[in-house]
């Protein structure tokens, strides 16, 4: 059972390495302005996060079965024999370091995506402002205010 828990930690460590590479790829696609590729990578990231979560839930149930009083992984490590503690502690530190790296990359991607969204929204607002007339009431060629009709109209004129 202890070996299964340590193997689970190793799988999580490898999954976090993969997550970091996916987040880096997502960042490059965001910088290139390729939304289709970002969507594809985002689906992969979400699936990987689901797998990591299920791995952690399974590992937590194994820890509870082995050491009912161990609420955290560090408490479980204290129940291991002295010879196995350094390996497990090093694995836990590496896992934490990779989690922090992934969190930093995800925050960077979020900021870039939000900035691109704001830029697009402001550009659309600017373009809408240029398309719409500035004044609602303008004079016609004869110097009168036009009578506007809200429905469909037939255009008439001479050539």
Foldseek 3Di string as FASTA:
>chain_A
DVVLLVVLLVVLLVLLVVLLVLLVVLQVCLVVVPVVVNVVSVVVNVVSVVVNVVSVVVSQVVLCVVPVVDPDVVSSLVVDPPVCNVVSVVSVVSSVVSVVSSVVSVVVSVVSVVVVVVVVVVVVVVVVVVVDDPDPWDADPVGHTDDDDPDDDDDDDDD
